[in-house]
PDB file of N, CA and C in Angstrom:
ATOM      1  N   MET A   1     -92.653 138.192-240.147  1.00  0.00           N
ATOM      2  CA  MET A   1     -93.913 137.896-240.655  1.00  0.00           C
ATOM      3  C   MET A   1     -94.022 136.514-241.262  1.00  0.00           C
ATOM      4  N   ALA A   2     -94.959 135.615-240.803  1.00  0.00           N
ATOM      5  CA  ALA A   2     -95.154 134.403-241.374  1.00  0.00           C
ATOM      6  C   ALA A   2     -95.514 134.298-242.805  1.00  0.00           C
ATOM      7  N   CYS A   3     -95.005 133.340-243.531  1.00  0.00           N
ATOM      8  CA  CYS A   3     -95.095 133.380-244.953  1.00  0.00           C
ATOM      9  C   CYS A   3     -96.607 133.218-245.172  1.00  0.00           C
ATOM     10  N   TRP A   4     -97.471 132.558-244.480  1.00  0.00           N
ATOM     11  CA  TRP A   4     -98.846 132.334-244.865  1.00  0.00           C
ATOM     12  C   TRP A   4     -99.714 133.607-244.516  1.00  0.00           C
ATOM     13  N   SER A   5     -99.028 134.532-243.937  1.00  0.00           N
ATOM     14  CA  SER A   5     -99.881 135.892-243.673  1.00  0.00           C
ATOM     15  C   SER A   5     -99.613 136.882-244.802  1.00  0.00           C
ATOM     16  N   LEU A   6     -98.886 136.567-245.947  1.00  0.00           N
ATOM     17  CA  LEU A   6     -98.484 137.444-247.052  1.00  0.00           C
ATOM     18  C   LEU A   6     -99.366 137.009-248.287  1.00  0.00           C
ATOM     19  N   ARG A   7     -99.890 138.026-248.957  1.00  0.00           N
ATOM     20  CA  ARG A   7    -100.700 137.749-250.229  1.00  0.00           C
ATOM     21  C   ARG A   7     -99.951 137.416-251.356  1.00  0.00           C
ATOM     22  N   GLY A   8     -98.750 137.943-251.537  1.00  0.00           N
ATOM     23  CA  GLY A   8     -97.964 137.573-252.649  1.00  0.00           C
ATOM     24  C   GLY A   8     -97.952 138.634-253.791  1.00  0.00           C
ATOM     25  N   CYS A   9     -98.833 139.717-253.628  1.00  0.00           N
ATOM     26  CA  CYS A   9     -98.842 140.687-254.596  1.00  0.00           C
ATOM     27  C   CYS A   9     -98.402 142.041-254.092  1.00  0.00           C
ATOM     28  N   ASP A  10     -98.096 142.986-254.883  1.00  0.00           N
ATOM     29  CA  ASP A  10     -97.620 144.285-254.356  1.00  0.00           C
ATOM     30  C   ASP A  10     -98.735 145.154-253.983  1.00  0.00           C
ATOM     31  N   ASP A  11     -98.421 146.390-253.513  1.00  0.00           N
ATOM     32  CA  ASP A  11     -99.551 147.272-253.165  1.00  0.00           C
ATOM     33  C   ASP A  11    -100.338 147.944-254.265  1.00  0.00           C
ATOM     34  N   GLU A  12     -99.705 148.042-255.386  1.00  0.00           N
ATOM     35  CA  GLU A  12    -100.341 148.487-256.578  1.00  0.00           C
ATOM     36  C   GLU A  12    -101.475 147.365-257.040  1.00  0.00           C
ATOM     37  N   MET A  13    -101.036 146.211-257.200  1.00  0.00           N
ATOM     38  CA  MET A  13    -101.943 145.056-257.449  1.00  0.00           C
ATOM     39  C   MET A  13    -102.963 144.949-256.512  1.00  0.00           C
ATOM     40  N   ARG A  14    -102.640 144.918-255.344  1.00  0.00           N
ATOM     41  CA  ARG A  14    -103.575 144.844-254.144  1.00  0.00           C
ATOM     42  C   ARG A  14    -104.841 146.022-254.213  1.00  0.00           C
ATOM     43  N   GLU A  15    -104.477 147.087-254.742  1.00  0.00           N
ATOM     44  CA  GLU A  15    -105.428 148.140-254.789  1.00  0.00           C
ATOM     45  C   GLU A  15    -106.634 147.765-255.791  1.00  0.00           C
ATOM     46  N   GLY A  16    -106.285 147.059-256.790  1.00  0.00           N
ATOM     47  CA  GLY A  16    -107.330 146.628-257.726  1.00  0.00           C
ATOM     48  C   GLY A  16    -107.888 145.244-257.589  1.00  0.00           C
ATOM     49  N   CYS A  17    -107.465 144.549-256.729  1.00  0.00           N
ATOM     50  CA  CYS A  17    -107.679 143.064-256.360  1.00  0.00           C
ATOM     51  C   CYS A  17    -109.186 143.036-255.702  1.00  0.00           C
ATOM     52  N   PRO A  18    -110.026 142.324-256.178  1.00  0.00           N
ATOM     53  CA  PRO A  18    -111.285 142.212-255.551  1.00  0.00           C
ATOM     54  C   PRO A  18    -111.332 141.280-254.358  1.00  0.00           C
ATOM     55  N   HIS A  19    -110.173 140.551-254.215  1.00  0.00           N
ATOM     56  CA  HIS A  19    -110.104 139.638-253.018  1.00  0.00           C
ATOM     57  C   HIS A  19    -109.360 140.432-251.947  1.00  0.00           C
ATOM     58  N   ALA A  20    -108.472 141.279-252.225  1.00  0.00           N
ATOM     59  CA  ALA A  20    -107.816 142.099-251.295  1.00  0.00           C
ATOM     60  C   ALA A  20    -108.533 143.027-250.571  1.00  0.00           C
ATOM     61  N   ILE A  21    -109.682 143.534-251.152  1.00  0.00           N
ATOM     62  CA  ILE A  21    -110.565 144.481-250.464  1.00  0.00           C
ATOM     63  C   ILE A  21    -110.985 144.074-249.163  1.00  0.00           C
ATOM     64  N   ASP A  22    -111.353 142.845-248.920  1.00  0.00           N
ATOM     65  CA  ASP A  22    -111.774 142.342-247.709  1.00  0.00           C
ATOM     66  C   ASP A  22    -110.547 141.630-247.064  1.00  0.00           C
ATOM     67  N   PRO A  23    -110.047 142.087-245.997  1.00  0.00           N
ATOM     68  CA  PRO A  23    -108.884 141.440-245.558  1.00  0.00           C
ATOM     69  C   PRO A  23    -109.080 139.948-244.938  1.00  0.00           C
ATOM     70  N   GLU A  24    -110.407 139.623-244.764  1.00  0.00           N
ATOM     71  CA  GLU A  24    -110.860 138.277-244.298  1.00  0.00           C
ATOM     72  C   GLU A  24    -110.798 137.301-245.482  1.00  0.00           C
ATOM     73  N   GLU A  25    -110.905 137.840-246.784  1.00  0.00           N
ATOM     74  CA  GLU A  25    -111.154 136.992-247.920  1.00  0.00           C
ATOM     75  C   GLU A  25    -109.654 136.443-248.246  1.00  0.00           C
ATOM     76  N   LYS A  26    -109.579 135.155-248.615  1.00  0.00           N
ATOM     77  CA  LYS A  26    -108.176 134.694-249.004  1.00  0.00           C
ATOM     78  C   LYS A  26    -108.022 134.788-250.470  1.00  0.00           C
ATOM     79  N   CYS A  27    -106.861 134.926-250.859  1.00  0.00           N
ATOM     80  CA  CYS A  27    -106.468 134.851-252.257  1.00  0.00           C
ATOM     81  C   CYS A  27    -106.680 133.393-252.797  1.00  0.00           C
ATOM     82  N   PRO A  28    -107.636 133.460-253.929  1.00  0.00           N
ATOM     83  CA  PRO A  28    -107.938 132.017-254.435  1.00  0.00           C
ATOM     84  C   PRO A  28    -106.817 131.320-255.091  1.00  0.00           C
ATOM     85  N   LEU A  29    -106.959 130.021-255.266  1.00  0.00           N
ATOM     86  CA  LEU A  29    -105.993 129.169-255.849  1.00  0.00           C
ATOM     87  C   LEU A  29    -105.710 129.637-257.368  1.00  0.00           C
ATOM     88  N   SER A  30    -106.786 130.230-257.951  1.00  0.00           N
ATOM     89  CA  SER A  30    -106.571 130.621-259.445  1.00  0.00           C
ATOM     90  C   SER A  30    -105.841 131.965-259.617  1.00  0.00           C
ATOM     91  N   CYS A  31    -105.459 132.569-258.607  1.00  0.00           N
ATOM     92  CA  CYS A  31    -104.649 133.818-258.731  1.00  0.00           C
ATOM     93  C   CYS A  31    -103.187 133.571-258.985  1.00  0.00           C
ATOM     94  N   GLN A  32    -102.639 133.999-259.964  1.00  0.00           N
ATOM     95  CA  GLN A  32    -101.247 133.514-260.329  1.00  0.00           C
ATOM     96  C   GLN A  32    -100.306 134.136-259.171  1.00  0.00           C
ATOM     97  N   TYR A  33    -100.594 135.242-258.553  1.00  0.00           N
ATOM     98  CA  TYR A  33     -99.810 135.698-257.387  1.00  0.00           C
ATOM     99  C   TYR A  33    -100.007 135.107-256.057  1.00  0.00           C
ATOM    100  N   ALA A  34    -100.966 134.245-256.029  1.00  0.00           N
ATOM    101  CA  ALA A  34    -101.100 133.370-254.686  1.00  0.00           C
ATOM    102  C   ALA A  34    -100.365 132.026-254.697  1.00  0.00           C
ATOM    103  N   LYS A  35     -99.818 131.805-255.871  1.00  0.00           N
ATOM    104  CA  LYS A  35     -98.993 130.408-255.822  1.00  0.00           C
ATOM    105  C   LYS A  35     -97.761 130.677-254.807  1.00  0.00           C
ATOM    106  N   CYS A  36     -97.281 129.531-254.336  1.00  0.00           N
ATOM    107  CA  CYS A  36     -96.235 129.599-253.396  1.00  0.00           C
ATOM    108  C   CYS A  36     -94.881 129.074-254.053  1.00  0.00           C
ATOM    109  N   ASP A  37     -93.883 129.854-254.114  1.00  0.00           N
ATOM    110  CA  ASP A  37     -92.624 129.368-254.639  1.00  0.00           C
ATOM    111  C   ASP A  37     -91.497 129.189-253.602  1.00  0.00           C
ATOM    112  N   ARG A  38     -91.949 129.129-252.407  1.00  0.00           N
ATOM    113  CA  ARG A  38     -90.993 129.085-251.338  1.00  0.00           C
ATOM    114  C   ARG A  38     -90.484 127.577-251.162  1.00  0.00           C
ATOM    115  N   SER A  39     -89.289 127.576-250.618  1.00  0.00           N
ATOM    116  CA  SER A  39     -88.727 126.113-250.604  1.00  0.00           C
ATOM    117  C   SER A  39     -89.514 125.262-249.506  1.00  0.00           C
ATOM    118  N   THR A  40     -90.141 126.028-248.651  1.00  0.00           N
ATOM    119  CA  THR A  40     -90.886 125.223-247.462  1.00  0.00           C
ATOM    120  C   THR A  40     -92.262 124.793-247.854  1.00  0.00           C
ATOM    121  N   TYR A  41     -92.625 125.170-249.155  1.00  0.00           N
ATOM    122  CA  TYR A  41     -94.087 124.644-249.565  1.00  0.00           C
ATOM    123  C   TYR A  41     -94.074 123.340-250.041  1.00  0.00           C
ATOM    124  N   ARG A  42     -94.974 122.476-249.639  1.00  0.00           N
ATOM    125  CA  ARG A  42     -95.330 121.061-249.940  1.00  0.00           C
ATOM    126  C   ARG A  42     -96.643 120.807-249.773  1.00  0.00           C
ATOM    127  N   ALA A  43     -97.500 120.461-250.742  1.00  0.00           N
ATOM    128  CA  ALA A  43     -98.843 120.100-250.550  1.00  0.00           C
ATOM    129  C   ALA A  43     -98.970 118.770-249.780  1.00  0.00           C
ATOM    130  N   THR A  44     -99.957 118.695-248.857  1.00  0.00           N
ATOM    131  CA  THR A  44    -100.092 117.628-248.053  1.00  0.00           C
ATOM    132  C   THR A  44    -101.184 116.536-248.719  1.00  0.00           C
ATOM    133  N   THR A  45    -100.916 115.330-248.371  1.00  0.00           N
ATOM    134  CA  THR A  45    -102.008 114.371-248.685  1.00  0.00           C
ATOM    135  C   THR A  45    -102.351 113.630-247.435  1.00  0.00           C
ATOM    136  N   ASP A  46    -101.742 114.074-246.262  1.00  0.00           N
ATOM    137  CA  ASP A  46    -102.054 113.481-245.037  1.00  0.00           C
ATOM    138  C   ASP A  46    -103.384 113.886-244.480  1.00  0.00           C
ATOM    139  N   PRO A  47    -104.419 112.801-244.457  1.00  0.00           N
ATOM    140  CA  PRO A  47    -105.774 113.226-243.866  1.00  0.00           C
ATOM    141  C   PRO A  47    -105.850 113.787-242.604  1.00  0.00           C
ATOM    142  N   ALA A  48    -104.764 113.431-241.717  1.00  0.00           N
ATOM    143  CA  ALA A  48    -104.584 113.806-240.297  1.00  0.00           C
ATOM    144  C   ALA A  48    -104.446 115.452-240.323  1.00  0.00           C
ATOM    145  N   LEU A  49    -103.566 115.879-241.225  1.00  0.00           N
ATOM    146  CA  LEU A  49    -103.301 117.469-241.328  1.00  0.00           C
ATOM    147  C   LEU A  49    -104.606 118.050-241.866  1.00  0.00           C
ATOM    148  N   ILE A  50    -105.079 117.441-243.044  1.00  0.00           N
ATOM    149  CA  ILE A  50    -106.174 118.003-243.747  1.00  0.00           C
ATOM    150  C   ILE A  50    -107.337 118.189-242.856  1.00  0.00           C
ATOM    151  N   PHE A  51    -107.732 117.352-242.061  1.00  0.00           N
ATOM    152  CA  PHE A  51    -108.897 117.354-241.210  1.00  0.00           C
ATOM    153  C   PHE A  51    -108.660 117.789-239.628  1.00  0.00           C
ATOM    154  N   ASP A  52    -107.520 118.264-239.319  1.00  0.00           N
ATOM    155  CA  ASP A  52    -107.086 118.691-238.022  1.00  0.00           C
ATOM    156  C   ASP A  52    -107.790 119.959-237.640  1.00  0.00           C
ATOM    157  N   LEU A  53    -108.723 119.855-236.804  1.00  0.00           N
ATOM    158  CA  LEU A  53    -109.647 120.980-236.389  1.00  0.00           C
ATOM    159  C   LEU A  53    -108.895 122.148-235.498  1.00  0.00           C
ATOM    160  N   SER A  54    -107.774 121.717-235.030  1.00  0.00           N
ATOM    161  CA  SER A  54    -107.053 122.737-234.154  1.00  0.00           C
ATOM    162  C   SER A  54    -106.279 123.660-234.861  1.00  0.00           C
ATOM    163  N   ILE A  55    -106.136 123.651-236.261  1.00  0.00           N
ATOM    164  CA  ILE A  55    -105.533 124.479-237.018  1.00  0.00           C
ATOM    165  C   ILE A  55    -106.249 125.772-237.424  1.00  0.00           C
ATOM    166  N   ASP A  56    -105.740 127.062-237.153  1.00  0.00           N
ATOM    167  CA  ASP A  56    -106.417 128.272-237.459  1.00  0.00           C
ATOM    168  C   ASP A  56    -106.194 128.601-238.829  1.00  0.00           C
ATOM    169  N   ARG A  57    -106.999 127.995-239.825  1.00  0.00           N
ATOM    170  CA  ARG A  57    -106.849 128.359-241.235  1.00  0.00           C
ATOM    171  C   ARG A  57    -107.205 129.767-241.506  1.00  0.00           C
ATOM    172  N   SER A  58    -107.910 130.455-240.708  1.00  0.00           N
ATOM    173  CA  SER A  58    -108.250 131.918-241.024  1.00  0.00           C
ATOM    174  C   SER A  58    -106.969 132.844-241.051  1.00  0.00           C
ATOM    175  N   ALA A  59    -105.956 132.332-240.455  1.00  0.00           N
ATOM    176  CA  ALA A  59    -104.569 132.990-240.515  1.00  0.00           C
ATOM    177  C   ALA A  59    -103.887 133.034-241.841  1.00  0.00           C
ATOM    178  N   ALA A  60    -104.252 132.159-242.577  1.00  0.00           N
ATOM    179  CA  ALA A  60    -103.690 132.115-244.000  1.00  0.00           C
ATOM    180  C   ALA A  60    -104.355 133.234-244.978  1.00  0.00           C
ATOM    181  N   ALA A  61    -103.582 133.884-245.607  1.00  0.00           N
ATOM    182  CA  ALA A  61    -103.949 134.878-246.475  1.00  0.00           C
ATOM    183  C   ALA A  61    -104.257 134.374-247.879  1.00  0.00           C
ATOM    184  N   ARG A  62    -103.785 133.177-248.111  1.00  0.00           N
ATOM    185  CA  ARG A  62    -103.931 132.550-249.553  1.00  0.00           C
ATOM    186  C   ARG A  62    -104.456 131.147-249.365  1.00  0.00           C
ATOM    187  N   GLU A  63    -105.312 130.734-250.182  1.00  0.00           N
ATOM    188  CA  GLU A  63    -105.931 129.424-250.116  1.00  0.00           C
ATOM    189  C   GLU A  63    -104.873 128.270-250.158  1.00  0.00           C
ATOM    190  N   VAL A  64    -103.801 128.653-251.087  1.00  0.00           N
ATOM    191  CA  VAL A  64    -102.890 127.580-251.251  1.00  0.00           C
ATOM    192  C   VAL A  64    -102.183 127.167-249.947  1.00  0.00           C
ATOM    193  N   CYS A  65    -102.087 128.104-248.883  1.00  0.00           N
ATOM    194  CA  CYS A  65    -101.454 127.824-247.674  1.00  0.00           C
ATOM    195  C   CYS A  65    -102.203 126.676-246.911  1.00  0.00           C
ATOM    196  N   THR A  66    -103.514 126.656-247.016  1.00  0.00           N
ATOM    197  CA  THR A  66    -104.433 125.837-246.088  1.00  0.00           C
ATOM    198  C   THR A  66    -104.119 124.346-246.559  1.00  0.00           C
ATOM    199  N   GLY A  67    -103.397 124.004-247.691  1.00  0.00           N
ATOM    200  CA  GLY A  67    -102.913 122.784-247.997  1.00  0.00           C
ATOM    201  C   GLY A  67    -101.555 122.450-247.860  1.00  0.00           C
ATOM    202  N   CYS A  68    -100.819 123.395-247.245  1.00  0.00           N
ATOM    203  CA  CYS A  68     -99.424 123.191-247.218  1.00  0.00           C
ATOM    204  C   CYS A  68     -98.924 122.505-245.963  1.00  0.00           C
ATOM    205  N   VAL A  69     -98.022 121.516-246.002  1.00  0.00           N
ATOM    206  CA  VAL A  69     -97.596 120.845-244.987  1.00  0.00           C
ATOM    207  C   VAL A  69     -96.873 121.886-243.893  1.00  0.00           C
ATOM    208  N   PHE A  70     -96.056 122.778-244.350  1.00  0.00           N
ATOM    209  CA  PHE A  70     -95.392 123.862-243.529  1.00  0.00           C
ATOM    210  C   PHE A  70     -96.478 124.591-242.669  1.00  0.00           C
ATOM    211  N   PHE A  71     -97.438 125.166-243.383  1.00  0.00           N
ATOM    212  CA  PHE A  71     -98.439 125.833-242.659  1.00  0.00           C
ATOM    213  C   PHE A  71     -99.234 124.936-241.715  1.00  0.00           C
ATOM    214  N   LEU A  72     -99.637 123.730-241.984  1.00  0.00           N
ATOM    215  CA  LEU A  72    -100.438 122.874-241.449  1.00  0.00           C
ATOM    216  C   LEU A  72     -99.617 122.318-240.024  1.00  0.00           C
ATOM    217  N   THR A  73     -98.369 122.273-240.076  1.00  0.00           N
ATOM    218  CA  THR A  73     -97.550 121.925-238.852  1.00  0.00           C
ATOM    219  C   THR A  73     -96.952 123.009-238.047  1.00  0.00           C
ATOM    220  N   ASN A  74     -96.894 124.111-238.623  1.00  0.00           N
ATOM    221  CA  ASN A  74     -96.104 125.256-237.975  1.00  0.00           C
ATOM    222  C   ASN A  74     -97.188 126.484-237.652  1.00  0.00           C
ATOM    223  N   GLY A  75     -98.233 126.572-238.452  1.00  0.00           N
ATOM    224  CA  GLY A  75     -99.116 127.609-238.254  1.00  0.00           C
ATOM    225  C   GLY A  75     -99.888 127.724-237.071  1.00  0.00           C
ATOM    226  N   PRO A  76    -100.605 128.782-236.815  1.00  0.00           N
ATOM    227  CA  PRO A  76    -101.306 129.022-235.464  1.00  0.00           C
ATOM    228  C   PRO A  76    -102.317 127.984-235.270  1.00  0.00           C
ATOM    229  N   ARG A  77    -102.681 127.862-234.037  1.00  0.00           N
ATOM    230  CA  ARG A  77    -103.638 126.926-233.502  1.00  0.00           C
ATOM    231  C   ARG A  77    -104.868 127.589-232.919  1.00  0.00           C
ATOM    232  N   LEU A  78    -105.948 127.078-232.871  1.00  0.00           N
ATOM    233  CA  LEU A  78    -107.169 127.562-232.202  1.00  0.00           C
ATOM    234  C   LEU A  78    -107.083 127.503-230.721  1.00  0.00           C
TER     235      LEU A  78
END
């Protein structure tokens, strides 16, 4: 399973989370469990990646992934 498809919280936390109720809603940046501690995570500042329209950002379960170089270069395409 791709790292960007995981929410970061366990089943018990997910049961009470207002964001996890709707599978289409991403975990917000403000959620402490949505932060990424993987060695592959690196925030991008590259405008070409930020504005690339071919990236399927809906595949990311967390907002933090949509700004990650690893996701933007390896994630699914439309």
